[in-house]
Amino acid sequence: MARIIIMTEQSQNNIKQALYIAVINKMAGELSELEAKEILLVNSPTYITSKDHDHADHIEELKNIIIKKHGLREVIKSLRETHFKPQSPPKDGKDS
């Protein structure tokens, strides 16, 4: 006999929200990694002192990090605005 699972609308919303939270958390982790790489790259003494270091590669890598960070921030912001509307406080029935 086959099982039929009926999901309520609330259950479906909870699942969707959990998935979006997982995605946002993963993207926030990637953003943190990029920020750490940027700090390491900007503070790298080899960039200033090394004759063998290709400065063009260093600049290109920093540019790519900045672009990726901006993209991740925008997507995270968009997901939060779209899928996580702020909860308004419950009304107590009193007029202000």
N, C-alpha and C. Protein backbone atom coordinates (compact mmCIF):
# COMPACT_ATOMS: atom_id res chain seq x y z
N MET A 1 0.84 -1.16 0.00
CA MET A 1 0.00 0.00 0.00
C MET A 1 0.90 1.24 0.00
N ALA A 2 0.62 2.16 -0.86
CA ALA A 2 1.43 3.38 -0.98
C ALA A 2 1.02 4.39 0.08
N ARG A 3 2.04 5.08 0.56
CA ARG A 3 1.77 6.13 1.55
C ARG A 3 1.53 7.45 0.83
N ILE A 4 0.56 8.16 1.27
CA ILE A 4 0.28 9.47 0.71
C ILE A 4 0.60 10.49 1.81
N ILE A 5 1.52 11.38 1.46
CA ILE A 5 1.89 12.40 2.41
C ILE A 5 1.27 13.71 1.94
N ILE A 6 0.46 14.26 2.79
CA ILE A 6 -0.17 15.53 2.47
C ILE A 6 0.55 16.60 3.27
N MET A 7 1.15 17.50 2.54
CA MET A 7 1.87 18.58 3.20
C MET A 7 0.98 19.81 3.26
N THR A 8 0.94 20.36 4.41
CA THR A 8 0.17 21.58 4.56
C THR A 8 0.95 22.73 3.93
N GLU A 9 0.28 23.80 3.69
CA GLU A 9 0.94 24.97 3.14
C GLU A 9 2.03 25.46 4.08
N GLN A 10 1.78 25.40 5.39
CA GLN A 10 2.77 25.82 6.36
C GLN A 10 4.00 24.92 6.30
N SER A 11 3.81 23.63 6.14
CA SER A 11 4.94 22.70 6.02
C SER A 11 5.78 23.02 4.78
N GLN A 12 5.11 23.27 3.68
CA GLN A 12 5.82 23.62 2.46
C GLN A 12 6.61 24.92 2.63
N ASN A 13 5.99 25.89 3.27
CA ASN A 13 6.69 27.16 3.52
C ASN A 13 7.89 26.96 4.43
N ASN A 14 7.74 26.11 5.44
CA ASN A 14 8.87 25.83 6.35
C ASN A 14 10.03 25.18 5.61
N ILE A 15 9.73 24.27 4.71
CA ILE A 15 10.76 23.59 3.94
C ILE A 15 11.47 24.58 3.01
N LYS A 16 10.68 25.40 2.32
CA LYS A 16 11.27 26.41 1.44
C LYS A 16 12.17 27.35 2.23
N GLN A 17 11.67 27.81 3.37
CA GLN A 17 12.45 28.73 4.19
C GLN A 17 13.76 28.09 4.66
N ALA A 18 13.69 26.84 5.06
CA ALA A 18 14.89 26.12 5.50
C ALA A 18 15.91 26.01 4.36
N LEU A 19 15.44 25.76 3.16
CA LEU A 19 16.35 25.67 2.01
C LEU A 19 17.01 27.02 1.74
N TYR A 20 16.23 28.07 1.77
CA TYR A 20 16.80 29.40 1.53
C TYR A 20 17.78 29.79 2.64
N ILE A 21 17.48 29.43 3.86
CA ILE A 21 18.39 29.70 4.97
C ILE A 21 19.72 28.97 4.74
N ALA A 22 19.64 27.71 4.30
CA ALA A 22 20.85 26.93 4.03
C ALA A 22 21.68 27.58 2.92
N VAL A 23 21.01 28.05 1.88
CA VAL A 23 21.71 28.70 0.77
C VAL A 23 22.36 30.00 1.24
N ILE A 24 21.62 30.80 2.00
CA ILE A 24 22.17 32.06 2.51
C ILE A 24 23.38 31.80 3.41
N ASN A 25 23.27 30.79 4.27
CA ASN A 25 24.40 30.46 5.15
C ASN A 25 25.62 30.03 4.35
N LYS A 26 25.41 29.24 3.31
CA LYS A 26 26.53 28.79 2.47
C LYS A 26 27.17 29.99 1.77
N MET A 27 26.35 30.89 1.26
CA MET A 27 26.86 32.07 0.57
C MET A 27 27.58 33.00 1.55
N ALA A 28 27.07 33.11 2.76
CA ALA A 28 27.73 33.94 3.78
C ALA A 28 29.10 33.35 4.12
N GLY A 29 29.21 32.04 4.15
CA GLY A 29 30.50 31.39 4.38
C GLY A 29 31.48 31.68 3.25
N GLU A 30 30.99 31.62 2.02
CA GLU A 30 31.84 31.93 0.87
C GLU A 30 32.29 33.40 0.92
N LEU A 31 31.37 34.28 1.33
CA LEU A 31 31.71 35.69 1.45
C LEU A 31 32.80 35.90 2.50
N SER A 32 32.71 35.20 3.61
CA SER A 32 33.74 35.30 4.65
C SER A 32 35.09 34.83 4.14
N GLU A 33 35.10 33.76 3.37
CA GLU A 33 36.35 33.26 2.79
C GLU A 33 36.97 34.29 1.85
N LEU A 34 36.13 34.91 1.03
CA LEU A 34 36.63 35.93 0.10
C LEU A 34 37.19 37.13 0.86
N GLU A 35 36.51 37.53 1.93
CA GLU A 35 37.00 38.65 2.73
C GLU A 35 38.36 38.33 3.35
N ALA A 36 38.52 37.10 3.81
CA ALA A 36 39.81 36.68 4.38
C ALA A 36 40.89 36.68 3.30
N LYS A 37 40.57 36.18 2.11
CA LYS A 37 41.54 36.18 1.01
C LYS A 37 41.94 37.60 0.64
N GLU A 38 40.95 38.49 0.64
CA GLU A 38 41.25 39.88 0.30
C GLU A 38 42.23 40.49 1.31
N ILE A 39 41.98 40.24 2.58
CA ILE A 39 42.86 40.77 3.63
C ILE A 39 44.27 40.22 3.46
N LEU A 40 44.37 38.91 3.22
CA LEU A 40 45.69 38.31 3.04
C LEU A 40 46.40 38.87 1.80
N LEU A 41 45.64 39.05 0.75
CA LEU A 41 46.21 39.54 -0.49
C LEU A 41 46.69 40.99 -0.37
N VAL A 42 45.88 41.82 0.24
CA VAL A 42 46.21 43.24 0.39
C VAL A 42 47.39 43.42 1.34
N ASN A 43 47.48 42.59 2.35
CA ASN A 43 48.55 42.72 3.34
C ASN A 43 49.78 41.87 3.03
N SER A 44 49.84 41.32 1.83
CA SER A 44 50.95 40.45 1.45
C SER A 44 52.22 41.26 1.19
N PRO A 45 53.26 41.07 2.00
CA PRO A 45 54.51 41.82 1.78
C PRO A 45 55.23 41.39 0.50
N THR A 46 54.95 40.21 0.00
CA THR A 46 55.63 39.77 -1.22
C THR A 46 55.22 40.62 -2.40
N TYR A 47 54.04 41.17 -2.36
CA TYR A 47 53.58 42.02 -3.47
C TYR A 47 54.49 43.24 -3.60
N ILE A 48 54.90 43.79 -2.50
CA ILE A 48 55.71 45.00 -2.50
C ILE A 48 57.19 44.68 -2.71
N THR A 49 57.67 43.60 -2.13
CA THR A 49 59.11 43.35 -2.08
C THR A 49 59.64 42.37 -3.11
N SER A 50 58.80 41.53 -3.68
CA SER A 50 59.30 40.46 -4.55
C SER A 50 59.48 40.94 -5.99
N LYS A 51 60.63 40.64 -6.55
CA LYS A 51 60.87 40.94 -7.97
C LYS A 51 60.25 39.86 -8.85
N ASP A 52 60.06 38.68 -8.27
CA ASP A 52 59.53 37.56 -9.04
C ASP A 52 58.01 37.53 -9.07
N HIS A 53 57.38 38.27 -8.21
CA HIS A 53 55.91 38.26 -8.11
C HIS A 53 55.31 39.04 -9.27
N ASP A 54 54.36 38.43 -9.96
CA ASP A 54 53.70 39.10 -11.08
C ASP A 54 52.61 40.01 -10.53
N HIS A 55 52.85 41.29 -10.54
CA HIS A 55 51.92 42.25 -9.97
C HIS A 55 50.57 42.26 -10.71
N ALA A 56 50.58 41.99 -12.00
CA ALA A 56 49.33 41.96 -12.76
C ALA A 56 48.43 40.83 -12.27
N ASP A 57 49.00 39.68 -11.94
CA ASP A 57 48.19 38.58 -11.40
C ASP A 57 47.60 38.95 -10.06
N HIS A 58 48.38 39.62 -9.25
CA HIS A 58 47.93 40.05 -7.92
C HIS A 58 46.73 41.00 -8.05
N ILE A 59 46.83 41.95 -8.94
CA ILE A 59 45.76 42.91 -9.15
C ILE A 59 44.52 42.22 -9.71
N GLU A 60 44.71 41.32 -10.65
CA GLU A 60 43.58 40.59 -11.24
C GLU A 60 42.87 39.74 -10.19
N GLU A 61 43.62 39.09 -9.34
CA GLU A 61 43.03 38.26 -8.28
C GLU A 61 42.23 39.13 -7.31
N LEU A 62 42.78 40.26 -6.93
CA LEU A 62 42.07 41.17 -6.03
C LEU A 62 40.79 41.68 -6.69
N LYS A 63 40.86 42.03 -7.95
CA LYS A 63 39.68 42.49 -8.70
C LYS A 63 38.59 41.41 -8.69
N ASN A 64 38.98 40.18 -8.97
CA ASN A 64 38.01 39.08 -9.00
C ASN A 64 37.37 38.85 -7.64
N ILE A 65 38.15 38.97 -6.59
CA ILE A 65 37.61 38.81 -5.23
C ILE A 65 36.57 39.89 -4.95
N ILE A 66 36.89 41.12 -5.31
CA ILE A 66 35.96 42.23 -5.05
C ILE A 66 34.67 42.04 -5.83
N ILE A 67 34.76 41.62 -7.07
CA ILE A 67 33.56 41.39 -7.88
C ILE A 67 32.71 40.25 -7.30
N LYS A 68 33.35 39.17 -6.89
CA LYS A 68 32.62 38.04 -6.30
C LYS A 68 31.94 38.45 -5.00
N LYS A 69 32.66 39.21 -4.16
CA LYS A 69 32.07 39.68 -2.89
C LYS A 69 30.83 40.52 -3.15
N HIS A 70 30.93 41.43 -4.09
CA HIS A 70 29.79 42.30 -4.40
C HIS A 70 28.60 41.46 -4.88
N GLY A 71 28.87 40.51 -5.76
CA GLY A 71 27.80 39.65 -6.26
C GLY A 71 27.13 38.84 -5.16
N LEU A 72 27.93 38.26 -4.28
CA LEU A 72 27.37 37.48 -3.17
C LEU A 72 26.53 38.35 -2.24
N ARG A 73 27.03 39.56 -1.94
CA ARG A 73 26.27 40.46 -1.06
C ARG A 73 24.91 40.80 -1.67
N GLU A 74 24.90 41.07 -2.97
CA GLU A 74 23.65 41.42 -3.65
C GLU A 74 22.66 40.26 -3.65
N VAL A 75 23.15 39.06 -3.90
CA VAL A 75 22.27 37.89 -3.93
C VAL A 75 21.71 37.61 -2.53
N ILE A 76 22.57 37.67 -1.52
CA ILE A 76 22.12 37.44 -0.14
C ILE A 76 21.06 38.48 0.23
N LYS A 77 21.31 39.73 -0.09
CA LYS A 77 20.35 40.80 0.21
C LYS A 77 19.03 40.54 -0.50
N SER A 78 19.09 40.17 -1.76
CA SER A 78 17.89 39.90 -2.54
C SER A 78 17.10 38.72 -1.96
N LEU A 79 17.79 37.65 -1.60
CA LEU A 79 17.11 36.49 -1.01
C LEU A 79 16.42 36.86 0.30
N ARG A 80 17.10 37.63 1.12
CA ARG A 80 16.50 38.03 2.40
C ARG A 80 15.27 38.89 2.18
N GLU A 81 15.36 39.82 1.24
CA GLU A 81 14.22 40.70 0.97
C GLU A 81 13.04 39.94 0.35
N THR A 82 13.34 39.00 -0.50
CA THR A 82 12.31 38.27 -1.22
C THR A 82 11.64 37.18 -0.38
N HIS A 83 12.42 36.45 0.39
CA HIS A 83 11.90 35.26 1.06
C HIS A 83 11.73 35.40 2.57
N PHE A 84 12.21 36.49 3.12
CA PHE A 84 12.12 36.67 4.57
C PHE A 84 11.60 38.07 4.88
N LYS A 85 10.32 38.21 4.73
CA LYS A 85 9.71 39.50 5.02
C LYS A 85 9.74 39.75 6.52
N PRO A 86 10.01 40.99 6.93
CA PRO A 86 10.04 41.27 8.37
C PRO A 86 8.68 41.02 9.00
N GLN A 87 8.74 40.45 10.17
CA GLN A 87 7.50 40.17 10.91
C GLN A 87 7.03 41.44 11.59
N SER A 88 5.79 41.79 11.37
CA SER A 88 5.25 42.96 12.06
C SER A 88 4.74 42.50 13.43
N PRO A 89 4.90 43.34 14.44
CA PRO A 89 4.45 42.95 15.77
C PRO A 89 2.94 42.75 15.79
N PRO A 90 2.47 41.79 16.58
CA PRO A 90 1.03 41.54 16.63
C PRO A 90 0.30 42.76 17.18
N LYS A 91 -0.84 43.02 16.59
CA LYS A 91 -1.63 44.17 17.03
C LYS A 91 -2.41 43.76 18.27
N ASP A 92 -2.46 44.69 19.20
CA ASP A 92 -3.16 44.40 20.44
C ASP A 92 -4.59 44.93 20.44
N GLY A 93 -4.97 45.51 19.32
CA GLY A 93 -6.34 45.99 19.19
C GLY A 93 -6.55 47.39 19.74
N LYS A 94 -5.49 47.99 20.25
CA LYS A 94 -5.61 49.33 20.81
C LYS A 94 -5.16 50.33 19.76
N ASP A 95 -5.83 51.46 19.73
CA ASP A 95 -5.41 52.54 18.84
C ASP A 95 -4.40 53.40 19.57
N SER A 96 -3.42 53.88 18.85
CA SER A 96 -2.38 54.71 19.48
C SER A 96 -2.85 56.12 19.67
